[in-house]
Protein backbone atom coordinates (compact mmCIF):
# COMPACT_ATOMS: atom_id res chain seq x y z
CA MET A 1 -26.88 -10.65 14.58
CA LYS A 2 -23.62 -10.66 12.62
CA LEU A 3 -20.48 -8.69 13.29
CA THR A 4 -17.92 -8.15 10.53
CA PHE A 5 -14.62 -6.44 11.40
CA LEU A 6 -13.31 -4.14 8.65
CA GLY A 7 -10.69 -1.82 10.14
CA ALA A 8 -8.31 -1.22 13.04
CA ASP A 9 -7.94 -5.03 13.34
CA HIS A 10 -4.36 -5.87 14.44
CA GLU A 11 -3.75 -2.20 13.54
CA VAL A 12 -4.31 1.08 15.43
CA THR A 13 -6.10 3.25 12.86
CA GLY A 14 -8.91 2.92 10.38
CA SER A 15 -11.75 1.79 12.68
CA MET A 16 -14.81 0.29 11.03
CA THR A 17 -17.27 -2.53 12.04
CA LEU A 18 -20.41 -3.73 10.34
CA ILE A 19 -23.43 -4.94 12.40
CA GLU A 20 -26.19 -6.86 10.65
CA ILE A 21 -29.42 -7.34 12.57
CA GLY A 22 -31.91 -9.13 10.42
CA GLU A 23 -32.13 -7.04 7.24
CA HIS A 24 -30.77 -3.98 8.98
CA LYS A 25 -27.08 -2.91 8.33
CA ILE A 26 -25.30 -0.55 10.68
CA LEU A 27 -21.72 0.79 10.70
CA VAL A 28 -19.73 1.73 13.76
CA ASP A 29 -17.09 4.21 12.79
CA CYS A 30 -15.56 4.73 9.29
CA GLY A 31 -12.02 5.76 9.88
CA MET A 32 -8.94 6.62 7.74
CA GLU A 33 -5.81 4.63 8.20
CA GLN A 34 -2.79 6.64 9.36
CA GLY A 35 0.79 5.68 9.46
CA ALA A 36 1.97 2.17 8.38
CA ASP A 37 -0.69 0.00 6.73
CA ILE A 38 0.14 -3.49 8.01
CA TYR A 39 -2.77 -5.71 6.84
CA GLU A 40 -4.95 -5.42 3.72
CA ASN A 41 -8.47 -4.41 4.92
CA ALA A 42 -11.45 -6.24 3.64
CA GLU A 43 -13.92 -4.30 1.57
CA LEU A 44 -17.31 -3.38 2.93
CA PRO A 45 -19.23 -6.58 2.06
CA VAL A 46 -22.55 -4.61 1.29
CA SER A 47 -23.38 -1.63 -0.78
CA PRO A 48 -22.96 1.67 1.09
CA GLY A 49 -26.44 2.57 -0.02
CA ASP A 50 -27.76 -0.51 1.93
CA VAL A 51 -26.28 0.74 5.18
CA GLU A 52 -29.22 2.29 7.12
CA ALA A 53 -27.22 4.03 9.81
CA MET A 54 -23.76 4.78 11.13
CA PHE A 55 -22.61 5.36 14.72
CA LEU A 56 -19.47 7.36 15.42
CA THR A 57 -17.58 6.93 18.66
CA HIS A 58 -15.68 10.22 18.32
CA ALA A 59 -14.33 12.77 15.93
CA HIS A 60 -10.69 11.72 15.41
CA ILE A 61 -9.92 11.07 11.77
CA ASP A 62 -8.85 7.45 12.35
CA HIS A 63 -12.52 6.90 13.32
CA SER A 64 -14.38 9.40 11.12
CA GLY A 65 -12.11 10.23 8.20
CA LYS A 66 -13.71 8.08 5.50
CA ILE A 67 -17.32 8.98 6.14
CA PRO A 68 -17.34 11.31 3.09
CA VAL A 69 -16.10 8.39 0.92
CA LEU A 70 -19.05 6.40 2.04
CA VAL A 71 -21.48 9.10 1.49
CA ALA A 72 -20.10 9.72 -2.05
CA ASN A 73 -20.64 6.05 -2.73
CA GLY A 74 -24.29 6.10 -1.80
CA PHE A 75 -24.65 6.00 1.99
CA GLY A 76 -27.68 8.19 2.84
CA GLY A 77 -28.57 7.20 6.46
CA ASN A 78 -28.22 9.21 9.73
CA ILE A 79 -24.72 9.45 11.33
CA HIS A 80 -25.41 9.19 15.04
CA ALA A 81 -22.94 10.88 17.41
CA THR A 82 -22.84 13.07 20.46
CA GLY A 83 -23.38 16.75 20.11
CA ALA A 84 -19.67 17.63 20.68
CA THR A 85 -18.55 14.96 18.17
CA THR A 86 -20.95 16.39 15.64
CA LYS A 87 -19.54 19.89 16.09
CA LEU A 88 -15.95 18.73 15.96
CA CYS A 89 -16.66 16.67 12.80
CA HIS A 90 -17.90 19.84 11.05
CA ILE A 91 -14.40 21.26 11.18
CA MET A 92 -12.35 18.06 10.97
CA LEU A 93 -13.99 16.48 7.99
CA MET A 94 -13.88 19.76 5.98
CA ASP A 95 -10.26 20.15 6.92
CA SER A 96 -9.54 16.54 5.85
CA ALA A 97 -11.31 17.17 2.51
CA HIS A 98 -9.21 20.35 1.86
CA ILE A 99 -6.10 18.22 2.52
CA GLN A 100 -7.31 15.48 0.10
CA GLU A 101 -7.94 18.07 -2.57
CA SER A 102 -4.62 19.86 -2.03
CA GLU A 103 -2.59 16.68 -2.10
CA ALA A 104 -4.38 15.49 -5.18
CA GLU A 105 -3.74 18.89 -6.89
CA TRP A 106 -0.04 18.62 -6.08
CA LYS A 107 0.26 15.00 -7.20
CA SER A 108 -1.62 15.79 -10.38
CA ARG A 109 0.84 18.58 -11.36
CA LYS A 110 3.72 16.17 -10.67
CA ALA A 111 1.98 13.31 -12.62
CA GLN A 112 1.20 15.50 -15.65
CA ARG A 113 4.76 16.73 -15.87
CA ALA A 114 5.72 13.03 -16.13
CA GLY A 115 3.04 12.28 -18.67
CA ARG A 116 0.82 10.37 -16.29
CA ASP A 117 -2.87 10.84 -15.53
CA ALA A 118 -4.18 13.40 -13.07
CA VAL A 119 -4.78 12.30 -9.55
CA ALA A 120 -8.34 12.27 -8.06
CA PRO A 121 -8.80 13.20 -4.34
CA MET A 122 -10.11 10.45 -2.08
CA TYR A 123 -13.02 12.84 -1.44
CA THR A 124 -13.93 16.48 -1.91
CA THR A 125 -15.22 19.33 0.22
CA ASP A 126 -18.60 18.81 -1.52
CA ASP A 127 -18.57 15.12 -0.36
CA ALA A 128 -17.74 16.25 3.22
CA ALA A 129 -20.47 18.94 3.28
CA ARG A 130 -23.07 16.28 2.16
CA ALA A 131 -21.89 14.02 4.87
CA LEU A 132 -22.26 16.60 7.58
CA LYS A 133 -25.93 17.14 6.74
CA GLN A 134 -26.53 13.45 7.83
CA PHE A 135 -25.23 13.82 11.46
CA LYS A 136 -27.83 13.42 14.17
CA PRO A 137 -26.59 14.55 17.62
CA HIS A 138 -27.40 12.79 20.96
CA GLY A 139 -26.56 13.33 24.56
CA TYR A 140 -24.90 10.85 27.00
CA ASN A 141 -27.05 8.24 28.77
CA GLU A 142 -30.16 9.04 26.69
CA PRO A 143 -31.43 5.68 25.27
CA PHE A 144 -33.25 5.98 21.91
CA THR A 145 -34.92 3.41 19.60
CA LEU A 146 -33.08 2.92 16.34
CA PHE A 147 -35.71 0.56 15.04
CA ASP A 148 -37.96 -2.13 16.47
CA GLY A 149 -35.95 -4.34 18.76
CA VAL A 150 -32.90 -2.20 18.95
CA THR A 151 -32.14 0.62 21.39
CA VAL A 152 -28.93 2.60 21.64
CA ARG A 153 -27.18 4.56 24.29
CA PHE A 154 -23.93 6.75 24.26
CA LEU A 155 -21.65 6.50 27.33
CA ASP A 156 -18.78 8.98 28.10
CA ALA A 157 -15.55 7.37 26.98
CA GLY A 158 -13.37 10.15 28.46
CA HIS A 159 -10.97 10.20 25.50
CA LEU A 160 -11.89 13.48 23.70
CA LEU A 161 -14.60 16.06 24.05
CA GLY A 162 -17.78 14.16 23.15
CA SER A 163 -16.07 10.78 22.73
CA SER A 164 -18.30 7.81 23.49
CA SER A 165 -18.70 4.08 24.02
CA ILE A 166 -21.78 2.88 22.27
CA GLU A 167 -24.25 0.35 23.79
CA PHE A 168 -26.69 -1.58 21.50
CA THR A 169 -29.49 -3.48 23.13
CA VAL A 170 -30.84 -6.01 20.61
CA ASN A 171 -33.97 -8.13 21.09
CA GLU A 172 -34.14 -11.08 18.68
CA ASP A 173 -36.52 -13.95 18.96
CA GLY A 174 -37.54 -12.82 22.43
CA LYS A 175 -33.92 -12.82 23.70
CA GLU A 176 -31.94 -9.74 24.62
CA THR A 177 -28.27 -9.27 23.74
CA VAL A 178 -26.22 -6.18 24.78
CA LEU A 179 -23.43 -5.28 22.38
CA LEU A 180 -20.93 -2.75 23.57
CA PHE A 181 -18.24 -0.84 21.60
CA SER A 182 -15.69 0.75 23.88
CA GLY A 183 -14.46 3.35 21.29
CA ASP A 184 -11.27 4.86 22.58
CA VAL A 185 -11.26 4.57 26.27
CA GLY A 186 -9.66 7.61 27.86
CA ASN A 187 -6.89 8.00 30.49
CA VAL A 188 -7.92 9.35 33.92
CA SER A 189 -7.35 12.69 35.60
CA ARG A 190 -6.72 14.59 32.39
CA PRO A 191 -7.43 18.26 31.85
CA LEU A 192 -10.84 19.55 30.74
CA ILE A 193 -12.90 16.34 30.31
CA ARG A 194 -14.32 13.67 32.69
CA ASP A 195 -12.87 10.22 33.32
CA PRO A 196 -14.26 7.32 31.36
CA GLN A 197 -17.69 6.15 32.40
CA LYS A 198 -17.51 2.51 33.29
CA PRO A 199 -20.32 0.31 31.66
CA GLU A 200 -22.41 -1.96 33.85
CA LYS A 201 -23.77 -4.48 31.42
CA ALA A 202 -22.86 -6.14 28.18
CA ASP A 203 -22.93 -9.60 26.63
CA ILE A 204 -20.49 -8.90 23.84
CA VAL A 205 -17.81 -6.21 24.04
CA VAL A 206 -15.50 -4.77 21.32
CA ILE A 207 -12.66 -3.02 23.08
CA GLU A 208 -9.67 -1.06 22.01
CA SER A 209 -6.10 -2.04 22.95
CA THR A 210 -3.81 0.86 22.04
CA TYR A 211 -2.03 0.59 25.34
CA GLY A 212 -3.03 -2.96 26.06
CA ASP A 213 0.49 -4.08 26.68
CA ARG A 214 1.77 -1.39 29.02
CA LEU A 215 1.07 0.73 32.10
CA HIS A 216 1.26 4.55 32.42
CA GLY A 217 2.59 4.17 36.00
CA GLU A 218 1.74 6.48 38.81
CA ARG A 219 -0.07 9.61 37.50
CA PRO A 220 2.79 12.08 36.90
CA ASP A 221 2.59 15.72 37.67
CA TYR A 222 1.82 17.04 34.21
CA LEU A 223 2.52 20.70 35.30
CA ALA A 224 5.91 19.79 36.77
CA GLN A 225 6.99 17.86 33.68
CA LEU A 226 5.93 20.58 31.26
CA THR A 227 7.49 23.33 33.36
CA ALA A 228 10.91 21.57 33.66
CA ILE A 229 11.12 20.97 29.93
CA LEU A 230 9.95 24.51 29.11
CA GLN A 231 12.29 26.09 31.54
CA GLU A 232 15.39 24.23 30.19
CA THR A 233 14.42 24.95 26.53
CA LEU A 234 13.77 28.72 27.03
CA ASP A 235 16.91 29.07 29.11
CA ARG A 236 18.85 27.66 26.21
CA GLY A 237 17.31 30.22 23.92
CA GLY A 238 15.39 27.57 21.91
CA ASN A 239 11.83 26.84 20.96
CA LEU A 240 9.63 24.18 22.51
CA VAL A 241 7.93 22.59 19.49
CA ILE A 242 4.98 20.36 20.44
CA PRO A 243 3.50 18.15 17.65
CA CYS A 244 -0.11 18.18 18.78
CA PHE A 245 -3.37 16.67 17.58
CA ALA A 246 -5.37 19.70 16.59
CA VAL A 247 -8.47 18.53 18.51
CA GLY A 248 -8.05 17.41 22.03
CA ARG A 249 -4.38 17.44 22.83
CA THR A 250 -3.86 21.01 21.78
CA GLN A 251 -6.53 22.24 24.11
CA GLU A 252 -5.19 20.17 27.03
CA MET A 253 -1.70 21.66 26.47
CA LEU A 254 -3.24 25.17 26.43
CA TYR A 255 -4.90 24.34 29.72
CA LEU A 256 -1.52 23.44 31.26
CA LEU A 257 0.35 26.34 29.81
CA ARG A 258 -2.25 28.70 31.13
CA GLU A 259 -1.78 27.13 34.66
CA ILE A 260 1.99 27.63 34.30
CA LYS A 261 1.48 31.34 33.49
CA VAL A 262 -1.17 31.92 36.21
CA ARG A 263 0.86 30.19 38.90
CA GLY A 264 4.13 31.90 37.94
CA LEU A 265 5.96 28.53 37.75
CA LEU A 266 8.47 29.58 35.09
CA LYS A 267 11.48 31.64 36.16
CA GLY A 268 12.77 34.51 33.99
CA HIS A 269 10.36 34.03 31.14
CA ASP A 270 7.11 35.41 32.45
CA ARG A 271 5.76 36.65 29.11
CA PHE A 272 6.83 33.60 26.99
CA PRO A 273 4.75 33.53 23.81
CA VAL A 274 2.55 30.55 22.85
CA TYR A 275 1.63 29.94 19.23
CA VAL A 276 -1.15 27.67 18.05
CA ASP A 277 -0.25 27.17 14.37
CA SER A 278 -3.11 25.21 12.84
CA PRO A 279 -6.32 26.56 11.49
CA LEU A 280 -8.09 23.39 12.55
CA ALA A 281 -6.68 23.68 16.12
CA VAL A 282 -7.88 27.36 16.27
CA GLU A 283 -11.40 26.23 15.28
CA ALA A 284 -11.35 23.39 17.71
CA THR A 285 -10.20 25.67 20.53
CA ASN A 286 -13.22 27.98 19.81
CA ILE A 287 -15.53 24.92 20.03
CA TYR A 288 -13.98 23.79 23.28
CA SER A 289 -14.46 27.35 24.67
CA ALA A 290 -18.20 27.53 23.75
CA ASP A 291 -20.78 27.57 26.53
CA ASP A 292 -22.76 24.70 24.97
CA MET A 293 -19.79 22.37 25.64
CA GLU A 294 -20.15 22.73 29.40
CA PRO A 295 -21.97 19.38 29.79
CA TYR A 296 -18.72 17.66 28.65
CA TYR A 297 -16.39 19.38 31.10
CA ASP A 298 -14.90 17.94 34.31
CA ASP A 299 -15.57 19.56 37.72
CA GLU A 300 -12.29 21.60 37.72
CA THR A 301 -12.99 23.07 34.39
CA MET A 302 -16.55 23.87 35.28
CA ALA A 303 -15.36 25.70 38.43
CA LEU A 304 -13.23 27.98 36.22
CA LYS A 305 -16.14 28.59 33.92
CA ILE A 306 -18.39 29.51 36.81
CA LEU A 307 -15.81 32.20 37.78
CA GLY A 308 -15.92 33.53 34.31
CA ILE A 309 -12.43 32.18 33.42
CA ASN A 310 -11.67 30.71 30.04
CA PRO A 311 -9.65 27.62 30.84
CA ILE A 312 -7.67 27.55 27.66
CA ARG A 313 -7.02 31.21 26.92
CA MET A 314 -4.03 33.21 28.30
CA ASP A 315 -1.82 36.25 27.85
CA ASP A 316 0.63 36.12 24.97
CA LEU A 317 -1.35 33.53 23.09
CA TYR A 318 -1.22 33.86 19.39
CA LEU A 319 -3.52 31.96 16.99
CA SER A 320 -1.96 31.51 13.55
CA ILE A 321 -4.36 31.13 10.67
CA THR A 322 -2.68 32.09 7.38
CA SER A 323 0.49 30.61 5.89
CA ASP A 324 2.05 33.99 6.32
CA ASP A 325 1.29 33.90 10.02
CA SER A 326 2.98 30.52 10.13
CA LYS A 327 6.11 31.68 8.39
CA ARG A 328 6.50 34.66 10.76
CA ILE A 329 6.65 32.28 13.71
CA ASN A 330 10.12 30.91 12.58
CA GLU A 331 11.31 34.44 11.39
CA ASP A 332 10.93 35.67 14.96
CA ARG A 333 13.93 34.49 17.01
CA THR A 334 12.15 35.00 20.43
CA PRO A 335 12.12 31.67 22.33
CA LYS A 336 8.58 30.36 22.27
CA VAL A 337 6.14 27.43 22.51
CA ILE A 338 4.82 26.23 19.17
CA LEU A 339 1.75 23.89 19.15
CA SER A 340 1.16 22.55 15.63
CA ALA A 341 -0.46 19.66 13.83
CA SER A 342 -0.27 16.96 12.93
CA GLY A 343 0.41 15.11 16.10
CA MET A 344 2.39 12.25 14.38
CA CYS A 345 4.26 14.68 12.11
CA GLU A 346 2.87 13.06 8.98
CA ALA A 347 1.44 16.25 7.48
CA GLY A 348 0.60 19.87 8.17
CA ARG A 349 2.55 22.82 9.42
CA ILE A 350 4.45 20.92 12.09
CA ARG A 351 6.78 19.63 9.37
CA HIS A 352 7.88 23.16 8.58
CA HIS A 353 8.53 23.82 12.31
CA LEU A 354 10.54 20.62 12.48
CA LYS A 355 12.64 21.71 9.50
CA HIS A 356 13.47 24.95 11.29
CA ASN A 357 14.09 23.47 14.72
CA LEU A 358 15.34 19.90 14.55
CA TRP A 359 18.84 20.96 13.64
CA ARG A 360 19.03 23.43 16.63
CA LYS A 361 20.63 22.03 19.73
CA GLU A 362 18.88 24.69 21.84
CA SER A 363 15.35 23.67 20.74
CA THR A 364 13.21 20.82 22.07
CA VAL A 365 10.63 18.68 20.21
CA MET A 366 8.18 17.26 22.84
CA PHE A 367 5.73 14.57 21.99
CA VAL A 368 2.47 14.41 23.97
CA GLY A 369 0.55 11.65 22.18
CA TYR A 370 0.78 8.21 20.81
CA GLN A 371 3.07 7.74 17.75
CA THR A 372 1.94 5.02 15.34
CA GLU A 373 4.61 2.79 13.99
CA GLY A 374 5.84 4.03 10.63
CA THR A 375 5.18 7.71 11.29
CA LEU A 376 7.84 10.46 11.43
CA GLY A 377 6.93 11.00 15.05
CA ARG A 378 7.69 7.42 15.91
CA GLN A 379 11.10 7.67 14.05
CA LEU A 380 12.07 10.66 16.18
CA ILE A 381 10.87 9.01 19.46
CA ASP A 382 12.92 5.88 18.45
CA GLY A 383 16.14 7.91 18.12
CA ALA A 384 16.51 8.84 14.45
CA THR A 385 19.64 10.98 13.94
CA GLU A 386 18.63 12.13 10.52
CA ILE A 387 15.31 12.63 8.74
CA LYS A 388 14.13 13.82 5.38
CA LEU A 389 11.70 16.75 5.06
CA PHE A 390 10.65 18.39 1.82
CA GLY A 391 13.41 16.58 -0.05
CA GLU A 392 16.13 17.82 2.36
CA LYS A 393 18.05 15.84 4.91
CA ILE A 394 17.82 17.29 8.39
CA ASN A 395 20.20 16.30 11.22
CA VAL A 396 18.42 15.74 14.52
CA GLU A 397 20.27 17.95 17.03
CA ALA A 398 17.29 19.16 19.01
CA HIS A 399 16.35 17.56 22.35
CA ILE A 400 13.57 14.96 21.81
CA ALA A 401 11.27 14.68 24.85
CA GLN A 402 8.12 12.88 25.66
CA MET A 403 5.59 13.83 28.40
CA SER A 404 4.73 10.60 30.31
CA GLY A 405 1.32 9.69 31.46
CA ILE A 406 -0.54 12.25 29.45
CA SER A 407 -1.78 9.70 26.85
CA GLY A 408 -5.39 10.04 25.79
CA HIS A 409 -5.81 6.29 25.98
CA ALA A 410 -6.36 4.06 28.98
CA ASP A 411 -3.51 1.64 29.78
CA ARG A 412 -3.76 -2.17 30.31
CA ASP A 413 -5.04 -2.11 33.84
CA MET A 414 -7.52 0.73 33.15
CA LEU A 415 -8.99 -1.26 30.26
CA LEU A 416 -9.13 -4.34 32.47
CA GLY A 417 -10.90 -2.40 35.19
CA TRP A 418 -13.33 -0.98 32.57
CA LEU A 419 -14.22 -4.60 31.61
CA LYS A 420 -14.27 -5.89 35.14
CA ASN A 421 -17.01 -3.38 36.01
CA ILE A 422 -19.47 -5.24 33.73
CA THR A 423 -21.54 -7.70 35.76
CA PRO A 424 -22.23 -10.44 35.01
CA ALA A 425 -19.08 -10.73 32.96
CA PRO A 426 -19.46 -10.60 29.14
CA LYS A 427 -19.73 -13.81 27.21
CA GLN A 428 -17.17 -12.69 24.58
CA VAL A 429 -14.70 -10.00 24.14
CA PHE A 430 -13.22 -8.85 20.77
CA VAL A 431 -10.00 -6.82 20.84
CA ASN A 432 -9.15 -4.28 18.14
CA HIS A 433 -7.47 -0.84 17.71
CA GLY A 434 -4.00 -2.00 18.72
CA GLU A 435 -0.66 -2.86 17.08
CA ASP A 436 -0.39 -6.29 15.60
CA THR A 437 1.08 -8.26 18.61
CA VAL A 438 -0.63 -6.03 21.17
CA CYS A 439 -4.07 -7.05 20.08
CA ASP A 440 -3.28 -10.74 20.64
CA LEU A 441 -1.47 -10.07 23.87
CA PHE A 442 -4.34 -8.06 25.40
CA ALA A 443 -6.88 -10.62 24.31
CA SER A 444 -4.85 -13.29 26.20
CA THR A 445 -4.58 -11.02 29.20
CA VAL A 446 -8.38 -10.53 29.22
CA THR A 447 -8.87 -14.29 29.23
CA GLU A 448 -6.12 -15.09 31.78
CA THR A 449 -7.00 -12.18 34.20
CA LEU A 450 -10.84 -11.99 33.94
CA GLY A 451 -11.63 -15.48 32.63
CA ILE A 452 -13.58 -13.97 29.65
CA PRO A 453 -13.20 -15.62 26.18
CA ALA A 454 -11.41 -12.96 24.01
CA GLU A 455 -9.85 -12.92 20.64
CA ALA A 456 -8.40 -10.31 18.21
CA PRO A 457 -10.08 -10.59 14.86
CA TYR A 458 -8.45 -9.77 11.53
CA SER A 459 -10.08 -7.59 8.96
CA GLY A 460 -12.86 -9.50 7.22
CA ALA A 461 -13.55 -11.73 10.21
CA CYS A 462 -17.23 -12.35 10.63
CA TYR A 463 -19.19 -13.69 13.62
CA GLU A 464 -22.76 -14.75 14.33
CA VAL A 465 -23.64 -13.25 17.73
CA SER A 466 -26.71 -14.13 19.86
CA ALA A 467 -27.79 -14.40 23.43
CA ASP A 468 -26.68 -18.01 23.21
CA GLY A 469 -23.14 -17.46 22.12
CA VAL A 470 -20.72 -16.53 19.31
CA THR A 471 -19.88 -18.51 16.13
CA ARG A 472 -17.05 -17.55 13.75
CA LEU A 473 -18.23 -17.49 10.12
CA GLU A 474 -15.20 -16.02 8.37
CA ASP A 475 -11.58 -16.00 9.65
CA GLY A 476 -10.36 -12.70 8.28
CA ASN A 477 -7.45 -11.67 6.14
CA ARG A 478 -4.07 -12.28 7.73
CA VAL A 479 -2.01 -11.35 4.64
CA LYS A 480 0.46 -8.56 5.45
CA LEU A 481 0.87 -5.82 2.89
CA GLU A 482 4.27 -5.08 1.33
CA LYS A 483 5.88 -2.07 2.98
CA LYS A 484 6.32 -0.41 -0.41
CA ALA A 485 3.93 -0.51 -3.41
CA PRO A 486 5.39 -2.18 -6.50
CA ALA A 487 7.44 0.21 -8.63
CA ALA A 488 4.97 -0.06 -11.56
CA GLN A 489 2.10 1.06 -9.30
CA SER A 490 2.20 4.81 -9.74
CA ASP A 491 0.25 7.40 -7.77
CA GLY A 492 -2.01 7.76 -10.82
CA ALA A 493 -2.56 4.00 -10.97
CA VAL A 494 -3.44 3.73 -7.24
CA ARG A 495 -5.95 6.65 -7.52
CA ALA A 496 -7.38 5.13 -10.77
CA ASN A 497 -7.99 1.85 -8.94
CA SER A 498 -9.72 3.78 -6.18
CA VAL A 499 -11.92 5.68 -8.66
CA LEU A 500 -12.76 2.44 -10.44
CA GLU A 501 -13.82 0.85 -7.14
CA ARG A 502 -16.05 3.90 -6.55
CA LEU A 503 -17.63 3.32 -9.99
CA ARG A 504 -18.16 -0.44 -9.14
CA ALA A 505 -19.75 0.63 -5.79
CA ALA A 506 -22.12 2.84 -7.69
CA GLY A 507 -23.11 -0.10 -9.87
CA ARG A 508 -23.76 -2.23 -6.84
CA ARG A 509 -25.89 0.61 -5.41
CA LEU A 510 -27.90 0.76 -8.66
CA CYS A 511 -28.57 -2.96 -8.51
CA ALA A 512 -29.74 -2.65 -4.88
CA ILE A 513 -32.13 0.22 -5.83
CA ILE A 514 -33.58 -1.89 -8.75
CA GLU A 515 -34.34 -4.69 -6.22
CA ARG A 516 -35.94 -2.36 -3.82
CA ASN A 517 -38.23 -0.97 -6.54
CA LYS A 518 -39.31 -4.26 -7.99
CA GLU A 519 -42.86 -3.88 -6.73
CA GLY A 520 -43.17 -0.51 -8.41
CA ALA A 521 -45.70 0.42 -11.14
CA ASN A 522 -44.80 -0.85 -14.60
CA LYS A 523 -44.75 2.66 -16.10
CA ASP A 524 -42.29 3.78 -13.38
CA LEU A 525 -40.05 0.83 -13.83
CA ALA A 526 -40.18 1.29 -17.66
CA LYS A 527 -39.06 4.93 -17.25
CA PHE A 528 -36.28 3.86 -14.87
CA ALA A 529 -35.10 1.26 -17.39
CA ASP A 530 -35.09 3.89 -20.19
CA GLN A 531 -32.90 6.23 -18.04
CA ILE A 532 -30.47 3.45 -17.27
CA ASN A 533 -30.28 2.44 -20.97
CA ASP A 534 -29.68 6.03 -22.03
CA LEU A 535 -26.84 6.24 -19.57
CA CYS A 536 -25.39 2.93 -20.87
CA ASN A 537 -25.68 4.10 -24.49
CA LYS A 538 -23.68 7.24 -23.51
CA TRP A 539 -20.85 5.25 -22.01
CA ASP A 540 -20.83 2.04 -24.11
CA ARG A 541 -18.01 2.93 -26.34
């Protein structure tokens, strides 16, 4: 069995790993990079058409966002995920595709005015729709046979509705090896969903390290924190603007805001309005509220459901769908709560709300999730006094706050505890999904604290894995990218390179198909050759 690391290696986003078991090729995650791109990622070393199956840990775009690209380039296998992840991906991938198309349209108009070529989207809504037909849902703790010698099981990772760790049990040459991918391991005692399920066995573990260098501290009182910030903001006559991941964090905040209202914790603002300004967040909220999601809820949420109470709906809640709905939020001067995406302020309607509120001393911008280095959210957390939005400089006068302890990721000691539960201890741990130095630091911590060999691979690193041990085959790419693209590399040129690579991938897929059909009947092969030659004649100019 071979493991090739392709994404989220010494970086937080863009997760992707290739597993090769004999002739079988499997991908775990196919994520989009978000924020700063530190290292150049290795290309998938096989044709997408040769990948037989994909396994998705959860629906977040940094794990799922490039699935339509893979499908467009020839991947036709099943995409295995939990039922909740499958439902969430139906809205998230279509939303991502709309964003790709809109951005390409905007860049194309700009490029054409400058006499450059039009810009192609990374993928289209048609690509996303085709990908969604390939999803195959599973429940937690229900082992199934992928093919002879390989069984798979999803465990509850406690990070997002339907998030999972994935356990592969592989039998090769009469020996069994258990390979475990942590996915994103969740924090504990969070609203709506259960705590992470601790694994019991694994020989080889691939584990995330988002917070592998820090502790959350004692579990804070989320309600008390949110109530205090909200009270101060509304008393000043300002808005509480919360950049929120549309799926997961928005619903958790709605749960807490409902509790504040029901318990009467706020003084003098009983009917404060709450706006969810994100079509994706609205759709996700509907999914979270559906009865078929009850198997994913924690005990407290289930107790509310049994009483007929919707845990994330409340009085004075307004769901904003259209752009006109969104504009009216800032036209209304009533102090309010605004939940809007994206959570790292890199795109979406949140940027408009920041434009209208960052310069206001009475308003508060409160962060409730991890901010990747290089994002606008990280700049604000780090104390930026001026930012640029829509070509305009905005002074940062609003209060910048951060809710502690509400992270969706386990901290260092939680990750160590998750690993420590595996008995006997794994033979090898690979650390990914963390910032550059954090990956190495957490790998050292695993070895020093638990006595388990651990290392943080770079993109392109390849290992031979068996019941007898691990051998490194390729070292990976340690070359850091320039922070800015060369001046001569225009948007059109970058996209052109992307489209050219897609064409090359199609060519590699064609070669693979030819090899798979080499035993076919002569008349069928001759017909196939004629079709290829006709296509070549059309384009050989």
